[in-house]
N, C-alpha and C. Protein backbone atom coordinates (compact mmCIF):
# COMPACT_ATOMS: atom_id res chain seq x y z
N MET A 1 310.85 381.74 169.56
CA MET A 1 310.85 382.87 168.54
C MET A 1 311.86 383.78 168.86
N SER A 2 312.64 384.25 167.84
CA SER A 2 313.68 385.21 168.07
C SER A 2 313.35 386.37 166.84
N ILE A 3 313.59 387.71 167.54
CA ILE A 3 313.35 388.93 166.68
C ILE A 3 314.79 389.46 166.14
N ASP A 4 314.95 389.40 165.05
CA ASP A 4 316.36 390.03 164.52
C ASP A 4 316.10 391.47 164.19
N GLN A 5 317.14 392.05 163.71
CA GLN A 5 317.02 393.60 163.49
C GLN A 5 316.11 394.02 162.55
N THR A 6 315.93 393.08 161.50
CA THR A 6 315.16 393.43 160.24
C THR A 6 313.57 393.35 160.75
N THR A 7 313.48 392.26 161.60
CA THR A 7 312.03 392.36 162.00
C THR A 7 311.69 393.52 163.03
N ALA A 8 312.59 393.80 163.76
CA ALA A 8 312.40 394.85 164.65
C ALA A 8 312.09 396.40 164.02
N ALA A 9 313.00 396.41 162.97
CA ALA A 9 312.81 397.74 162.02
C ALA A 9 311.40 397.56 161.39
N LYS A 10 310.86 396.49 160.92
CA LYS A 10 309.56 396.30 160.47
C LYS A 10 308.55 396.55 161.47
N VAL A 11 308.67 396.22 162.63
CA VAL A 11 307.78 396.38 163.67
C VAL A 11 307.64 397.90 164.12
N ALA A 12 308.81 398.54 164.09
CA ALA A 12 308.91 399.89 164.30
C ALA A 12 308.12 400.84 163.24
N LYS A 13 308.42 400.35 161.96
CA LYS A 13 307.73 401.00 161.01
C LYS A 13 306.15 400.88 160.95
N LEU A 14 305.72 399.52 161.30
CA LEU A 14 304.23 399.46 161.37
C LEU A 14 303.71 400.16 162.60
N ALA A 15 304.47 400.46 163.59
CA ALA A 15 304.12 401.19 164.79
C ALA A 15 304.22 402.59 164.64
N ARG A 16 304.95 402.93 163.40
CA ARG A 16 305.13 404.35 163.08
C ARG A 16 306.07 405.03 164.18
N ILE A 17 307.02 404.30 164.63
CA ILE A 17 308.01 404.71 165.43
C ILE A 17 309.25 404.92 164.68
N LYS A 18 310.00 406.14 164.82
CA LYS A 18 311.26 406.42 164.15
C LYS A 18 312.34 405.66 164.98
N VAL A 19 313.04 404.70 164.46
CA VAL A 19 314.18 404.12 165.15
C VAL A 19 315.49 404.35 164.39
N GLU A 20 316.52 404.99 164.94
CA GLU A 20 317.66 405.04 164.16
C GLU A 20 318.25 403.64 163.91
N ASP A 21 319.09 403.40 163.01
CA ASP A 21 319.76 402.16 162.76
C ASP A 21 320.75 401.70 163.80
N ASP A 22 321.29 402.54 164.59
CA ASP A 22 322.17 402.12 165.58
C ASP A 22 321.30 401.72 166.94
N ALA A 23 319.98 402.07 166.95
CA ALA A 23 319.21 401.37 167.91
C ALA A 23 318.51 400.28 167.87
N LEU A 24 318.55 399.78 166.68
CA LEU A 24 317.91 398.51 166.31
C LEU A 24 318.33 397.42 167.04
N PRO A 25 319.65 397.23 167.26
CA PRO A 25 319.97 395.89 167.90
C PRO A 25 319.41 396.00 169.48
N ALA A 26 319.34 397.10 170.08
CA ALA A 26 318.63 397.37 171.32
C ALA A 26 317.25 396.96 171.33
N LEU A 27 316.55 397.54 170.29
CA LEU A 27 315.14 397.11 170.25
C LEU A 27 314.94 395.79 170.01
N ALA A 28 315.64 395.12 169.24
CA ALA A 28 315.54 393.59 168.99
C ALA A 28 315.71 392.89 170.30
N THR A 29 316.73 393.32 170.87
CA THR A 29 316.96 392.59 172.38
C THR A 29 315.73 392.85 173.23
N GLU A 30 315.17 394.11 173.21
CA GLU A 30 314.20 394.38 174.06
C GLU A 30 312.86 393.38 173.78
N PHE A 31 312.59 393.42 172.46
CA PHE A 31 311.54 392.57 171.89
C PHE A 31 311.83 391.02 172.48
N ASN A 32 313.04 390.66 172.27
CA ASN A 32 313.31 389.17 172.65
C ASN A 32 313.09 388.97 174.03
N ASN A 33 313.51 389.85 174.99
CA ASN A 33 313.15 389.91 176.45
C ASN A 33 311.74 389.78 176.59
N ILE A 34 310.85 390.54 175.99
CA ILE A 34 309.43 390.44 176.11
C ILE A 34 309.02 389.23 175.67
N LEU A 35 309.28 388.79 174.56
CA LEU A 35 308.82 387.29 174.10
C LEU A 35 309.37 386.22 175.04
N GLY A 36 310.48 386.47 175.67
CA GLY A 36 310.98 385.44 176.63
C GLY A 36 310.12 385.30 177.74
N PHE A 37 309.57 386.63 178.28
CA PHE A 37 308.88 386.68 179.49
C PHE A 37 307.48 385.90 179.20
N ILE A 38 306.97 386.14 178.00
CA ILE A 38 305.65 385.59 177.55
C ILE A 38 305.91 384.02 177.51
N GLU A 39 307.03 383.54 177.14
CA GLU A 39 307.27 382.27 176.92
C GLU A 39 307.18 381.70 178.48
N GLN A 40 307.83 382.27 179.50
CA GLN A 40 307.82 381.91 180.94
C GLN A 40 306.33 381.78 181.40
N LEU A 41 305.53 382.84 181.02
CA LEU A 41 304.13 382.82 181.32
C LEU A 41 303.31 381.49 180.86
N ASN A 42 303.77 381.17 179.53
CA ASN A 42 303.08 380.02 179.02
C ASN A 42 303.45 378.68 179.72
N GLU A 43 304.44 378.68 180.41
CA GLU A 43 304.84 377.48 181.16
C GLU A 43 304.15 377.33 182.57
N VAL A 44 303.56 378.35 182.82
CA VAL A 44 302.73 378.17 184.16
C VAL A 44 301.72 377.27 184.12
N ASP A 45 301.39 376.44 184.92
CA ASP A 45 300.14 375.50 185.04
C ASP A 45 299.06 376.45 185.67
N VAL A 46 297.99 376.63 184.78
CA VAL A 46 296.74 377.30 185.21
C VAL A 46 295.63 376.47 185.11
N GLU A 47 295.87 375.09 185.09
CA GLU A 47 294.82 374.14 185.22
C GLU A 47 294.02 374.34 186.42
N GLY A 48 292.63 374.50 186.21
CA GLY A 48 291.75 374.75 187.29
C GLY A 48 291.73 376.05 187.91
N VAL A 49 292.24 377.00 187.45
CA VAL A 49 292.21 378.33 187.79
C VAL A 49 291.29 379.07 187.00
N GLU A 50 290.29 379.74 187.62
CA GLU A 50 289.24 380.57 186.97
C GLU A 50 289.72 381.85 186.39
N PRO A 51 289.21 382.26 185.35
CA PRO A 51 289.73 383.55 184.81
C PRO A 51 289.25 384.69 185.80
N MET A 52 289.90 385.65 185.84
CA MET A 52 289.43 386.91 186.78
C MET A 52 289.62 387.98 186.10
N THR A 53 288.81 389.11 186.47
CA THR A 53 288.99 390.63 186.00
C THR A 53 289.58 391.28 187.12
N SER A 54 289.99 390.94 188.26
CA SER A 54 290.49 391.74 189.27
C SER A 54 291.02 390.74 190.22
N VAL A 55 291.95 391.40 191.06
CA VAL A 55 292.47 390.49 192.04
C VAL A 55 291.62 390.48 193.52
N THR A 56 290.73 391.35 193.39
CA THR A 56 289.68 391.33 194.41
C THR A 56 288.28 390.75 193.90
N PRO A 57 287.70 389.79 194.64
CA PRO A 57 286.41 389.27 193.98
C PRO A 57 285.38 390.52 194.12
N GLN A 58 284.68 390.71 193.06
CA GLN A 58 283.67 391.62 193.02
C GLN A 58 282.51 391.26 191.87
N ARG A 59 281.42 391.63 192.07
CA ARG A 59 280.28 391.58 191.12
C ARG A 59 280.02 393.01 190.57
N LEU A 60 279.79 392.95 189.38
CA LEU A 60 279.27 394.26 188.73
C LEU A 60 277.89 394.43 188.95
N LYS A 61 277.60 395.66 189.25
CA LYS A 61 276.24 396.03 189.45
C LYS A 61 275.46 395.78 188.03
N ARG A 62 274.21 395.19 188.12
CA ARG A 62 273.51 395.07 186.95
C ARG A 62 272.21 395.99 187.13
N ARG A 63 271.86 396.29 185.79
CA ARG A 63 270.42 397.09 185.84
C ARG A 63 269.58 396.40 184.74
N VAL A 64 268.25 396.76 184.92
CA VAL A 64 267.39 396.20 184.05
C VAL A 64 267.59 396.76 182.69
N ASP A 65 267.66 395.80 181.62
CA ASP A 65 267.98 396.28 180.19
C ASP A 65 266.51 396.66 179.55
N GLU A 66 266.32 398.00 179.77
CA GLU A 66 265.04 398.47 179.12
C GLU A 66 265.26 399.67 178.29
N VAL A 67 264.43 399.73 177.17
CA VAL A 67 264.53 400.85 176.12
C VAL A 67 263.71 401.90 176.64
N THR A 68 264.50 403.24 176.76
CA THR A 68 263.85 404.45 177.11
C THR A 68 264.29 405.44 175.90
N ASP A 69 263.53 406.61 175.94
CA ASP A 69 263.98 407.52 175.09
C ASP A 69 264.96 408.58 175.72
N GLY A 70 265.29 408.32 177.08
CA GLY A 70 266.14 409.28 177.82
C GLY A 70 265.49 410.52 178.32
N ASN A 71 264.28 410.65 177.91
CA ASN A 71 263.74 411.99 178.52
C ASN A 71 264.40 413.14 178.52
N GLN A 72 265.29 413.53 177.56
CA GLN A 72 266.08 414.58 177.62
C GLN A 72 265.93 415.24 176.26
N GLN A 73 265.07 415.20 175.38
CA GLN A 73 265.03 415.68 174.17
C GLN A 73 265.35 417.12 174.03
N GLU A 74 264.82 418.03 174.94
CA GLU A 74 265.26 419.36 174.97
C GLU A 74 266.69 419.69 175.07
N LYS A 75 267.08 418.92 176.18
CA LYS A 75 268.60 419.07 176.28
C LYS A 75 269.59 418.77 175.18
N VAL A 76 269.17 417.62 174.48
CA VAL A 76 269.96 417.26 173.52
C VAL A 76 269.96 418.17 172.30
N LEU A 77 268.69 418.61 172.03
CA LEU A 77 268.35 419.36 170.75
C LEU A 77 268.89 420.82 171.11
N ALA A 78 269.10 421.11 172.38
CA ALA A 78 269.54 422.58 172.69
C ALA A 78 270.97 422.69 172.18
N ASN A 79 271.76 421.82 171.84
CA ASN A 79 273.16 421.94 171.28
C ASN A 79 273.13 421.74 169.92
N ALA A 80 271.90 421.38 169.19
CA ALA A 80 271.95 421.25 167.69
C ALA A 80 271.88 422.69 166.97
N PRO A 81 272.51 422.80 165.97
CA PRO A 81 272.59 424.20 165.20
C PRO A 81 271.19 424.47 164.55
N ASP A 82 270.48 423.36 164.14
CA ASP A 82 269.33 423.31 163.47
C ASP A 82 268.37 422.13 163.94
N ALA A 83 267.39 422.53 164.64
CA ALA A 83 266.39 421.43 165.13
C ALA A 83 264.98 421.84 164.67
N ARG A 84 264.37 420.86 164.16
CA ARG A 84 262.90 420.97 163.78
C ARG A 84 262.04 420.07 164.15
N GLU A 85 260.86 420.30 164.65
CA GLU A 85 259.94 419.29 165.12
C GLU A 85 260.43 418.22 165.94
N GLY A 86 261.33 418.52 166.78
CA GLY A 86 261.79 417.57 167.77
C GLY A 86 262.95 416.70 167.15
N PHE A 87 263.58 416.99 166.06
CA PHE A 87 264.72 416.24 165.39
C PHE A 87 265.79 417.19 164.87
N PHE A 88 266.97 416.51 164.82
CA PHE A 88 268.01 417.20 164.22
C PHE A 88 267.75 417.55 162.71
N ALA A 89 268.05 418.72 162.21
CA ALA A 89 267.86 419.11 160.85
C ALA A 89 269.26 419.02 160.26
N VAL A 90 269.30 418.35 158.98
CA VAL A 90 270.67 418.27 158.39
C VAL A 90 270.48 418.57 156.89
N PRO A 91 271.51 419.21 156.29
CA PRO A 91 271.20 419.56 154.94
C PRO A 91 271.19 418.19 154.07
N LYS A 92 270.25 418.27 152.97
CA LYS A 92 270.07 417.15 152.06
C LYS A 92 271.45 416.89 151.38
N VAL A 93 271.73 415.69 151.41
CA VAL A 93 273.09 415.35 150.76
C VAL A 93 272.95 414.31 149.51
N VAL A 94 271.71 413.64 149.43
CA VAL A 94 271.57 412.62 148.20
C VAL A 94 270.32 413.32 147.54
N GLU A 95 270.45 413.29 146.24
CA GLU A 95 269.23 413.78 145.46
C GLU A 95 268.58 412.66 144.94
């Protein structure tokens, strides 16, 4: 796959990056270099290699998935501009 100047300009516009016309050839070349590197990665044989999230083996700590109310109602409602009967009070928006 090759990126031309028109496609580079379109990508820049979609990314909302202002690129001058004289810089488009360099941008297209940079995109092509990136795509070339990705093609090189696609050629690597990864058969039998397990996916990993880090270069060091580690297990994430797990906790019991239990529902709680947080036991912090007073702290949470302390920041509310208007709290009534243990809940946030908001203006009525639908009649």
